[in-house]
Every structure is written in C-alpha cells, then in structure tokens.
Amino acid sequence: VGALCWRVAPARLKRTELARKLFGDAELRARYRTGPRFTEAI
C-alpha cells in the first residue's frame, strides 16, 4: 500500500525528504520483499 501511495503521489510531495524516506523505502521493500531494518541498512 505504501508503494502504491508513492507511485500516485504528486511530484511536489515526492520532493520532500520525509516522503522519500516513508514511501520510497516502502516501494523498495514491496518490490524485494525485505523488512524495513534490512532495507535501511543496505
């Protein structure tokens, strides 16, 4: 769901660091089936 939110979010929202942190990592985790700690560490 987080990954979907990131894909449909307006461009101005995607430019904020918080949005990239919250939704960008979620998209990676959904694509690769990894947990938040592993993704953040990598």
ModelCIF file with pLDDT and N, C-alpha, C, O atoms, coordinates in Angstrom:
data_MODEL
#
_entry.id   MODEL 
#
_entity.id                         1 
_entity.type                       polymer 
_entity.pdbx_number_of_molecules   1 
#
_entity_poly.entity_id                      1 
_entity_poly.type                           'polypeptide(L)' 
_entity_poly.nstd_linkage                   no 
_entity_poly.nstd_monomer                   no 
_entity_poly.pdbx_seq_one_letter_code       VGALCWRVAPARLKRTELARKLFGDAELRARYRTGPRFTEAI 
_entity_poly.pdbx_seq_one_letter_code_can   VGALCWRVAPARLKRTELARKLFGDAELRARYRTGPRFTEAI 
_entity_poly.pdbx_strand_id                 A 
#
loop_
_entity_poly_seq.entity_id 
_entity_poly_seq.num 
_entity_poly_seq.mon_id 
_entity_poly_seq.hetero 
1 1  VAL n 
1 2  GLY n 
1 3  ALA n 
1 4  LEU n 
1 5  CYS n 
1 6  TRP n 
1 7  ARG n 
1 8  VAL n 
1 9  ALA n 
1 10 PRO n 
1 11 ALA n 
1 12 ARG n 
1 13 LEU n 
1 14 LYS n 
1 15 ARG n 
1 16 THR n 
1 17 GLU n 
1 18 LEU n 
1 19 ALA n 
1 20 ARG n 
1 21 LYS n 
1 22 LEU n 
1 23 PHE n 
1 24 GLY n 
1 25 ASP n 
1 26 ALA n 
1 27 GLU n 
1 28 LEU n 
1 29 ARG n 
1 30 ALA n 
1 31 ARG n 
1 32 TYR n 
1 33 ARG n 
1 34 THR n 
1 35 GLY n 
1 36 PRO n 
1 37 ARG n 
1 38 PHE n 
1 39 THR n 
1 40 GLU n 
1 41 ALA n 
1 42 ILE n 
#
_struct_asym.id          A 
_struct_asym.entity_id   1 
#
loop_
_ma_qa_metric.id 
_ma_qa_metric.mode 
_ma_qa_metric.name 
_ma_qa_metric.software_group_id 
_ma_qa_metric.type 
1 global pLDDT . pLDDT 
2 local  pLDDT . pLDDT 
#
_ma_qa_metric_global.metric_id      1 
_ma_qa_metric_global.metric_value   63.50 
_ma_qa_metric_global.model_id       1 
_ma_qa_metric_global.ordinal_id     1 
#
loop_
_ma_qa_metric_local.label_asym_id 
_ma_qa_metric_local.label_comp_id 
_ma_qa_metric_local.label_seq_id 
_ma_qa_metric_local.metric_id 
_ma_qa_metric_local.metric_value 
_ma_qa_metric_local.model_id 
_ma_qa_metric_local.ordinal_id 
A VAL 1  2 56.00 1 1  
A GLY 2  2 57.00 1 2  
A ALA 3  2 55.00 1 3  
A LEU 4  2 55.00 1 4  
A CYS 5  2 55.00 1 5  
A TRP 6  2 51.00 1 6  
A ARG 7  2 58.00 1 7  
A VAL 8  2 57.00 1 8  
A ALA 9  2 56.00 1 9  
A PRO 10 2 56.00 1 10 
A ALA 11 2 57.00 1 11 
A ARG 12 2 53.00 1 12 
A LEU 13 2 48.00 1 13 
A LYS 14 2 46.00 1 14 
A ARG 15 2 48.00 1 15 
A THR 16 2 50.00 1 16 
A GLU 17 2 53.00 1 17 
A LEU 18 2 50.00 1 18 
A ALA 19 2 51.00 1 19 
A ARG 20 2 55.00 1 20 
A LYS 21 2 55.00 1 21 
A LEU 22 2 51.00 1 22 
A PHE 23 2 53.00 1 23 
A GLY 24 2 59.00 1 24 
A ASP 25 2 65.00 1 25 
A ALA 26 2 68.00 1 26 
A GLU 27 2 69.00 1 27 
A LEU 28 2 71.00 1 28 
A ARG 29 2 72.00 1 29 
A ALA 30 2 70.00 1 30 
A ARG 31 2 73.00 1 31 
A TYR 32 2 76.00 1 32 
A ARG 33 2 75.00 1 33 
A THR 34 2 78.00 1 34 
A GLY 35 2 79.00 1 35 
A PRO 36 2 80.00 1 36 
A ARG 37 2 84.00 1 37 
A PHE 38 2 84.00 1 38 
A THR 39 2 82.00 1 39 
A GLU 40 2 83.00 1 40 
A ALA 41 2 87.00 1 41 
A ILE 42 2 86.00 1 42 
#
loop_
_atom_site.group_PDB 
_atom_site.id 
_atom_site.type_symbol 
_atom_site.label_atom_id 
_atom_site.label_alt_id 
_atom_site.label_comp_id 
_atom_site.label_asym_id 
_atom_site.label_entity_id 
_atom_site.label_seq_id 
_atom_site.pdbx_PDB_ins_code 
_atom_site.Cartn_x 
_atom_site.Cartn_y 
_atom_site.Cartn_z 
_atom_site.occupancy 
_atom_site.B_iso_or_equiv 
_atom_site.pdbx_formal_charge 
_atom_site.auth_seq_id 
_atom_site.auth_comp_id 
_atom_site.auth_asym_id 
_atom_site.auth_atom_id 
_atom_site.pdbx_PDB_model_num 
ATOM 1   N N  . VAL A 1 1  ? 0.844  -1.200 0.000  1.00 56.00 ? 1  VAL A N  1 
ATOM 2   C CA . VAL A 1 1  ? 0.000  0.000  0.000  1.00 56.00 ? 1  VAL A CA 1 
ATOM 3   C C  . VAL A 1 1  ? 0.882  1.255  0.000  1.00 56.00 ? 1  VAL A C  1 
ATOM 4   O O  . VAL A 1 1  ? 0.603  2.211  -0.723 1.00 56.00 ? 1  VAL A O  1 
ATOM 5   N N  . GLY A 1 2  ? 1.945  1.249  0.811  1.00 57.00 ? 2  GLY A N  1 
ATOM 6   C CA . GLY A 1 2  ? 2.868  2.376  0.826  1.00 57.00 ? 2  GLY A CA 1 
ATOM 7   C C  . GLY A 1 2  ? 3.505  2.604  -0.533 1.00 57.00 ? 2  GLY A C  1 
ATOM 8   O O  . GLY A 1 2  ? 3.667  3.745  -0.965 1.00 57.00 ? 2  GLY A O  1 
ATOM 9   N N  . ALA A 1 3  ? 3.869  1.515  -1.208 1.00 55.00 ? 3  ALA A N  1 
ATOM 10  C CA . ALA A 1 3  ? 4.468  1.630  -2.540 1.00 55.00 ? 3  ALA A CA 1 
ATOM 11  C C  . ALA A 1 3  ? 3.471  2.229  -3.529 1.00 55.00 ? 3  ALA A C  1 
ATOM 12  O O  . ALA A 1 3  ? 3.841  3.054  -4.364 1.00 55.00 ? 3  ALA A O  1 
ATOM 13  N N  . LEU A 1 4  ? 2.226  1.820  -3.435 1.00 55.00 ? 4  LEU A N  1 
ATOM 14  C CA . LEU A 1 4  ? 1.196  2.366  -4.316 1.00 55.00 ? 4  LEU A CA 1 
ATOM 15  C C  . LEU A 1 4  ? 1.013  3.858  -4.050 1.00 55.00 ? 4  LEU A C  1 
ATOM 16  O O  . LEU A 1 4  ? 0.894  4.647  -4.988 1.00 55.00 ? 4  LEU A O  1 
ATOM 17  N N  . CYS A 1 5  ? 0.989  4.248  -2.775 1.00 55.00 ? 5  CYS A N  1 
ATOM 18  C CA . CYS A 1 5  ? 0.856  5.671  -2.422 1.00 55.00 ? 5  CYS A CA 1 
ATOM 19  C C  . CYS A 1 5  ? 1.989  6.486  -3.040 1.00 55.00 ? 5  CYS A C  1 
ATOM 20  O O  . CYS A 1 5  ? 1.769  7.595  -3.527 1.00 55.00 ? 5  CYS A O  1 
ATOM 21  N N  . TRP A 1 6  ? 3.190  5.937  -3.019 1.00 51.00 ? 6  TRP A N  1 
ATOM 22  C CA . TRP A 1 6  ? 4.343  6.641  -3.590 1.00 51.00 ? 6  TRP A CA 1 
ATOM 23  C C  . TRP A 1 6  ? 4.188  6.811  -5.091 1.00 51.00 ? 6  TRP A C  1 
ATOM 24  O O  . TRP A 1 6  ? 4.504  7.870  -5.633 1.00 51.00 ? 6  TRP A O  1 
ATOM 25  N N  . ARG A 1 7  ? 3.705  5.778  -5.765 1.00 58.00 ? 7  ARG A N  1 
ATOM 26  C CA . ARG A 1 7  ? 3.568  5.848  -7.219 1.00 58.00 ? 7  ARG A CA 1 
ATOM 27  C C  . ARG A 1 7  ? 2.543  6.886  -7.657 1.00 58.00 ? 7  ARG A C  1 
ATOM 28  O O  . ARG A 1 7  ? 2.718  7.519  -8.698 1.00 58.00 ? 7  ARG A O  1 
ATOM 29  N N  . VAL A 1 8  ? 1.476  7.073  -6.883 1.00 57.00 ? 8  VAL A N  1 
ATOM 30  C CA . VAL A 1 8  ? 0.423  8.004  -7.287 1.00 57.00 ? 8  VAL A CA 1 
ATOM 31  C C  . VAL A 1 8  ? 0.546  9.374  -6.626 1.00 57.00 ? 8  VAL A C  1 
ATOM 32  O O  . VAL A 1 8  ? -0.262 10.263 -6.895 1.00 57.00 ? 8  VAL A O  1 
ATOM 33  N N  . ALA A 1 9  ? 1.536  9.553  -5.772 1.00 56.00 ? 9  ALA A N  1 
ATOM 34  C CA . ALA A 1 9  ? 1.711  10.836 -5.074 1.00 56.00 ? 9  ALA A CA 1 
ATOM 35  C C  . ALA A 1 9  ? 2.116  11.934 -6.055 1.00 56.00 ? 9  ALA A C  1 
ATOM 36  O O  . ALA A 1 9  ? 2.835  11.673 -7.018 1.00 56.00 ? 9  ALA A O  1 
ATOM 37  N N  . PRO A 1 10 ? 1.652  13.172 -5.810 1.00 56.00 ? 10 PRO A N  1 
ATOM 38  C CA . PRO A 1 10 ? 2.059  14.279 -6.685 1.00 56.00 ? 10 PRO A CA 1 
ATOM 39  C C  . PRO A 1 10 ? 3.561  14.540 -6.570 1.00 56.00 ? 10 PRO A C  1 
ATOM 40  O O  . PRO A 1 10 ? 4.180  14.258 -5.544 1.00 56.00 ? 10 PRO A O  1 
ATOM 41  N N  . ALA A 1 11 ? 4.125  15.077 -7.635 1.00 57.00 ? 11 ALA A N  1 
ATOM 42  C CA . ALA A 1 11 ? 5.576  15.306 -7.693 1.00 57.00 ? 11 ALA A CA 1 
ATOM 43  C C  . ALA A 1 11 ? 6.068  16.202 -6.567 1.00 57.00 ? 11 ALA A C  1 
ATOM 44  O O  . ALA A 1 11 ? 7.152  15.967 -6.033 1.00 57.00 ? 11 ALA A O  1 
ATOM 45  N N  . ARG A 1 12 ? 5.299  17.230 -6.187 1.00 53.00 ? 12 ARG A N  1 
ATOM 46  C CA . ARG A 1 12 ? 5.761  18.139 -5.131 1.00 53.00 ? 12 ARG A CA 1 
ATOM 47  C C  . ARG A 1 12 ? 5.898  17.418 -3.795 1.00 53.00 ? 12 ARG A C  1 
ATOM 48  O O  . ARG A 1 12 ? 6.749  17.780 -2.982 1.00 53.00 ? 12 ARG A O  1 
ATOM 49  N N  . LEU A 1 13 ? 5.062  16.393 -3.555 1.00 48.00 ? 13 LEU A N  1 
ATOM 50  C CA . LEU A 1 13 ? 5.171  15.613 -2.326 1.00 48.00 ? 13 LEU A CA 1 
ATOM 51  C C  . LEU A 1 13 ? 6.411  14.720 -2.359 1.00 48.00 ? 13 LEU A C  1 
ATOM 52  O O  . LEU A 1 13 ? 7.081  14.542 -1.342 1.00 48.00 ? 13 LEU A O  1 
ATOM 53  N N  . LYS A 1 14 ? 6.705  14.171 -3.512 1.00 46.00 ? 14 LYS A N  1 
ATOM 54  C CA . LYS A 1 14 ? 7.855  13.275 -3.639 1.00 46.00 ? 14 LYS A CA 1 
ATOM 55  C C  . LYS A 1 14 ? 9.178  13.994 -3.422 1.00 46.00 ? 14 LYS A C  1 
ATOM 56  O O  . LYS A 1 14 ? 10.189 13.354 -3.133 1.00 46.00 ? 14 LYS A O  1 
ATOM 57  N N  . ARG A 1 15 ? 9.187  15.305 -3.555 1.00 48.00 ? 15 ARG A N  1 
ATOM 58  C CA . ARG A 1 15 ? 10.431 16.057 -3.389 1.00 48.00 ? 15 ARG A CA 1 
ATOM 59  C C  . ARG A 1 15 ? 10.821 16.227 -1.926 1.00 48.00 ? 15 ARG A C  1 
ATOM 60  O O  . ARG A 1 15 ? 11.967 16.576 -1.641 1.00 48.00 ? 15 ARG A O  1 
ATOM 61  N N  . THR A 1 16 ? 9.915  15.993 -1.002 1.00 50.00 ? 16 THR A N  1 
ATOM 62  C CA . THR A 1 16 ? 10.259 16.174 0.410  1.00 50.00 ? 16 THR A CA 1 
ATOM 63  C C  . THR A 1 16 ? 11.043 14.971 0.903  1.00 50.00 ? 16 THR A C  1 
ATOM 64  O O  . THR A 1 16 ? 10.781 13.838 0.501  1.00 50.00 ? 16 THR A O  1 
ATOM 65  N N  . GLU A 1 17 ? 11.991 15.222 1.765  1.00 53.00 ? 17 GLU A N  1 
ATOM 66  C CA . GLU A 1 17 ? 12.843 14.151 2.299  1.00 53.00 ? 17 GLU A CA 1 
ATOM 67  C C  . GLU A 1 17 ? 12.028 13.138 3.087  1.00 53.00 ? 17 GLU A C  1 
ATOM 68  O O  . GLU A 1 17 ? 12.269 11.935 2.983  1.00 53.00 ? 17 GLU A O  1 
ATOM 69  N N  . LEU A 1 18 ? 11.067 13.607 3.871  1.00 50.00 ? 18 LEU A N  1 
ATOM 70  C CA . LEU A 1 18 ? 10.241 12.707 4.668  1.00 50.00 ? 18 LEU A CA 1 
ATOM 71  C C  . LEU A 1 18 ? 9.442  11.761 3.769  1.00 50.00 ? 18 LEU A C  1 
ATOM 72  O O  . LEU A 1 18 ? 9.346  10.566 4.050  1.00 50.00 ? 18 LEU A O  1 
ATOM 73  N N  . ALA A 1 19 ? 8.880  12.287 2.707  1.00 51.00 ? 19 ALA A N  1 
ATOM 74  C CA . ALA A 1 19 ? 8.100  11.446 1.793  1.00 51.00 ? 19 ALA A CA 1 
ATOM 75  C C  . ALA A 1 19 ? 8.989  10.390 1.142  1.00 51.00 ? 19 ALA A C  1 
ATOM 76  O O  . ALA A 1 19 ? 8.600  9.229  1.014  1.00 51.00 ? 19 ALA A O  1 
ATOM 77  N N  . ARG A 1 20 ? 10.188 10.808 0.730  1.00 55.00 ? 20 ARG A N  1 
ATOM 78  C CA . ARG A 1 20 ? 11.109 9.823  0.127  1.00 55.00 ? 20 ARG A CA 1 
ATOM 79  C C  . ARG A 1 20 ? 11.454 8.736  1.125  1.00 55.00 ? 20 ARG A C  1 
ATOM 80  O O  . ARG A 1 20 ? 11.537 7.561  0.770  1.00 55.00 ? 20 ARG A O  1 
ATOM 81  N N  . LYS A 1 21 ? 11.656 9.129  2.376  1.00 55.00 ? 21 LYS A N  1 
ATOM 82  C CA . LYS A 1 21 ? 12.004 8.157  3.409  1.00 55.00 ? 21 LYS A CA 1 
ATOM 83  C C  . LYS A 1 21 ? 10.848 7.201  3.678  1.00 55.00 ? 21 LYS A C  1 
ATOM 84  O O  . LYS A 1 21 ? 11.044 5.988  3.749  1.00 55.00 ? 21 LYS A O  1 
ATOM 85  N N  . LEU A 1 22 ? 9.640  7.750  3.827  1.00 51.00 ? 22 LEU A N  1 
ATOM 86  C CA . LEU A 1 22 ? 8.486  6.918  4.173  1.00 51.00 ? 22 LEU A CA 1 
ATOM 87  C C  . LEU A 1 22 ? 8.027  6.039  3.024  1.00 51.00 ? 22 LEU A C  1 
ATOM 88  O O  . LEU A 1 22 ? 7.795  4.844  3.203  1.00 51.00 ? 22 LEU A O  1 
ATOM 89  N N  . PHE A 1 23 ? 7.897  6.635  1.839  1.00 53.00 ? 23 PHE A N  1 
ATOM 90  C CA . PHE A 1 23 ? 7.288  5.891  0.735  1.00 53.00 ? 23 PHE A CA 1 
ATOM 91  C C  . PHE A 1 23 ? 8.303  5.263  -0.201 1.00 53.00 ? 23 PHE A C  1 
ATOM 92  O O  . PHE A 1 23 ? 8.055  4.189  -0.747 1.00 53.00 ? 23 PHE A O  1 
ATOM 93  N N  . GLY A 1 24 ? 9.450  5.920  -0.397 1.00 59.00 ? 24 GLY A N  1 
ATOM 94  C CA . GLY A 1 24 ? 10.470 5.350  -1.276 1.00 59.00 ? 24 GLY A CA 1 
ATOM 95  C C  . GLY A 1 24 ? 10.984 4.020  -0.757 1.00 59.00 ? 24 GLY A C  1 
ATOM 96  O O  . GLY A 1 24 ? 11.123 3.066  -1.523 1.00 59.00 ? 24 GLY A O  1 
ATOM 97  N N  . ASP A 1 25 ? 11.270 3.946  0.549  1.00 65.00 ? 25 ASP A N  1 
ATOM 98  C CA . ASP A 1 25 ? 11.714 2.690  1.148  1.00 65.00 ? 25 ASP A CA 1 
ATOM 99  C C  . ASP A 1 25 ? 10.612 1.641  1.082  1.00 65.00 ? 25 ASP A C  1 
ATOM 100 O O  . ASP A 1 25 ? 10.891 0.458  0.883  1.00 65.00 ? 25 ASP A O  1 
ATOM 101 N N  . ALA A 1 26 ? 9.362  2.064  1.248  1.00 68.00 ? 26 ALA A N  1 
ATOM 102 C CA . ALA A 1 26 ? 8.242  1.123  1.187  1.00 68.00 ? 26 ALA A CA 1 
ATOM 103 C C  . ALA A 1 26 ? 8.139  0.499  -0.193 1.00 68.00 ? 26 ALA A C  1 
ATOM 104 O O  . ALA A 1 26 ? 7.845  -0.689 -0.323 1.00 68.00 ? 26 ALA A O  1 
ATOM 105 N N  . GLU A 1 27 ? 8.380  1.297  -1.222 1.00 69.00 ? 27 GLU A N  1 
ATOM 106 C CA . GLU A 1 27 ? 8.335  0.753  -2.577 1.00 69.00 ? 27 GLU A CA 1 
ATOM 107 C C  . GLU A 1 27 ? 9.432  -0.289 -2.776 1.00 69.00 ? 27 GLU A C  1 
ATOM 108 O O  . GLU A 1 27 ? 9.189  -1.341 -3.368 1.00 69.00 ? 27 GLU A O  1 
ATOM 109 N N  . LEU A 1 28 ? 10.637 -0.003 -2.284 1.00 71.00 ? 28 LEU A N  1 
ATOM 110 C CA . LEU A 1 28 ? 11.721 -0.975 -2.388 1.00 71.00 ? 28 LEU A CA 1 
ATOM 111 C C  . LEU A 1 28 ? 11.384 -2.252 -1.622 1.00 71.00 ? 28 LEU A C  1 
ATOM 112 O O  . LEU A 1 28 ? 11.596 -3.357 -2.121 1.00 71.00 ? 28 LEU A O  1 
ATOM 113 N N  . ARG A 1 29 ? 10.856 -2.094 -0.404 1.00 72.00 ? 29 ARG A N  1 
ATOM 114 C CA . ARG A 1 29 ? 10.530 -3.268 0.415  1.00 72.00 ? 29 ARG A CA 1 
ATOM 115 C C  . ARG A 1 29 ? 9.464  -4.122 -0.255 1.00 72.00 ? 29 ARG A C  1 
ATOM 116 O O  . ARG A 1 29 ? 9.530  -5.350 -0.200 1.00 72.00 ? 29 ARG A O  1 
ATOM 117 N N  . ALA A 1 30 ? 8.482  -3.488 -0.888 1.00 70.00 ? 30 ALA A N  1 
ATOM 118 C CA . ALA A 1 30 ? 7.430  -4.247 -1.577 1.00 70.00 ? 30 ALA A CA 1 
ATOM 119 C C  . ALA A 1 30 ? 8.014  -4.991 -2.773 1.00 70.00 ? 30 ALA A C  1 
ATOM 120 O O  . ALA A 1 30 ? 7.687  -6.155 -3.008 1.00 70.00 ? 30 ALA A O  1 
ATOM 121 N N  . ARG A 1 31 ? 8.871  -4.323 -3.520 1.00 73.00 ? 31 ARG A N  1 
ATOM 122 C CA . ARG A 1 31 ? 9.442  -4.950 -4.711 1.00 73.00 ? 31 ARG A CA 1 
ATOM 123 C C  . ARG A 1 31 ? 10.332 -6.136 -4.357 1.00 73.00 ? 31 ARG A C  1 
ATOM 124 O O  . ARG A 1 31 ? 10.298 -7.162 -5.037 1.00 73.00 ? 31 ARG A O  1 
ATOM 125 N N  . TYR A 1 32 ? 11.128 -6.002 -3.294 1.00 76.00 ? 32 TYR A N  1 
ATOM 126 C CA . TYR A 1 32 ? 12.118 -7.022 -2.968 1.00 76.00 ? 32 TYR A CA 1 
ATOM 127 C C  . TYR A 1 32 ? 11.736 -7.907 -1.784 1.00 76.00 ? 32 TYR A C  1 
ATOM 128 O O  . TYR A 1 32 ? 12.495 -8.806 -1.420 1.00 76.00 ? 32 TYR A O  1 
ATOM 129 N N  . ARG A 1 33 ? 10.579 -7.671 -1.180 1.00 75.00 ? 33 ARG A N  1 
ATOM 130 C CA . ARG A 1 33 ? 10.113 -8.439 -0.018 1.00 75.00 ? 33 ARG A CA 1 
ATOM 131 C C  . ARG A 1 33 ? 11.151 -8.429 1.102  1.00 75.00 ? 33 ARG A C  1 
ATOM 132 O O  . ARG A 1 33 ? 11.512 -9.480 1.631  1.00 75.00 ? 33 ARG A O  1 
ATOM 133 N N  . THR A 1 34 ? 11.622 -7.249 1.455  1.00 78.00 ? 34 THR A N  1 
ATOM 134 C CA . THR A 1 34 ? 12.584 -7.109 2.545  1.00 78.00 ? 34 THR A CA 1 
ATOM 135 C C  . THR A 1 34 ? 11.945 -6.317 3.680  1.00 78.00 ? 34 THR A C  1 
ATOM 136 O O  . THR A 1 34 ? 10.997 -5.561 3.468  1.00 78.00 ? 34 THR A O  1 
ATOM 137 N N  . GLY A 1 35 ? 12.461 -6.495 4.852  1.00 79.00 ? 35 GLY A N  1 
ATOM 138 C CA . GLY A 1 35 ? 11.975 -5.761 6.013  1.00 79.00 ? 35 GLY A CA 1 
ATOM 139 C C  . GLY A 1 35 ? 12.564 -4.364 6.073  1.00 79.00 ? 35 GLY A C  1 
ATOM 140 O O  . GLY A 1 35 ? 13.534 -4.067 5.376  1.00 79.00 ? 35 GLY A O  1 
ATOM 141 N N  . PRO A 1 36 ? 11.977 -3.492 6.912  1.00 80.00 ? 36 PRO A N  1 
ATOM 142 C CA . PRO A 1 36 ? 12.453 -2.105 6.975  1.00 80.00 ? 36 PRO A CA 1 
ATOM 143 C C  . PRO A 1 36 ? 13.885 -1.973 7.484  1.00 80.00 ? 36 PRO A C  1 
ATOM 144 O O  . PRO A 1 36 ? 14.637 -1.137 6.982  1.00 80.00 ? 36 PRO A O  1 
ATOM 145 N N  . ARG A 1 37 ? 14.276 -2.777 8.467  1.00 84.00 ? 37 ARG A N  1 
ATOM 146 C CA . ARG A 1 37 ? 15.638 -2.659 9.004  1.00 84.00 ? 37 ARG A CA 1 
ATOM 147 C C  . ARG A 1 37 ? 16.676 -3.096 7.973  1.00 84.00 ? 37 ARG A C  1 
ATOM 148 O O  . ARG A 1 37 ? 17.713 -2.449 7.822  1.00 84.00 ? 37 ARG A O  1 
ATOM 149 N N  . PHE A 1 38 ? 16.404 -4.185 7.267  1.00 84.00 ? 38 PHE A N  1 
ATOM 150 C CA . PHE A 1 38 ? 17.337 -4.668 6.251  1.00 84.00 ? 38 PHE A CA 1 
ATOM 151 C C  . PHE A 1 38 ? 17.460 -3.649 5.128  1.00 84.00 ? 38 PHE A C  1 
ATOM 152 O O  . PHE A 1 38 ? 18.567 -3.320 4.700  1.00 84.00 ? 38 PHE A O  1 
ATOM 153 N N  . THR A 1 39 ? 16.324 -3.150 4.650  1.00 82.00 ? 39 THR A N  1 
ATOM 154 C CA . THR A 1 39 ? 16.345 -2.173 3.560  1.00 82.00 ? 39 THR A CA 1 
ATOM 155 C C  . THR A 1 39 ? 17.102 -0.917 3.966  1.00 82.00 ? 39 THR A C  1 
ATOM 156 O O  . THR A 1 39 ? 17.927 -0.410 3.205  1.00 82.00 ? 39 THR A O  1 
ATOM 157 N N  . GLU A 1 40 ? 16.825 -0.418 5.155  1.00 83.00 ? 40 GLU A N  1 
ATOM 158 C CA . GLU A 1 40 ? 17.504 0.780  5.640  1.00 83.00 ? 40 GLU A CA 1 
ATOM 159 C C  . GLU A 1 40 ? 19.013 0.546  5.767  1.00 83.00 ? 40 GLU A C  1 
ATOM 160 O O  . GLU A 1 40 ? 19.809 1.416  5.415  1.00 83.00 ? 40 GLU A O  1 
ATOM 161 N N  . ALA A 1 41 ? 19.402 -0.628 6.269  1.00 87.00 ? 41 ALA A N  1 
ATOM 162 C CA . ALA A 1 41 ? 20.829 -0.939 6.430  1.00 87.00 ? 41 ALA A CA 1 
ATOM 163 C C  . ALA A 1 41 ? 21.532 -1.001 5.072  1.00 87.00 ? 41 ALA A C  1 
ATOM 164 O O  . ALA A 1 41 ? 22.638 -0.483 4.920  1.00 87.00 ? 41 ALA A O  1 
ATOM 165 N N  . ILE A 1 42 ? 20.894 -1.629 4.096  1.00 86.00 ? 42 ILE A N  1 
ATOM 166 C CA . ILE A 1 42 ? 21.506 -1.721 2.760  1.00 86.00 ? 42 ILE A CA 1 
ATOM 167 C C  . ILE A 1 42 ? 21.623 -0.333 2.141  1.00 86.00 ? 42 ILE A C  1 
ATOM 168 O O  . ILE A 1 42 ? 22.112 -0.196 1.020  1.00 86.00 ? 42 ILE A O  1 
#
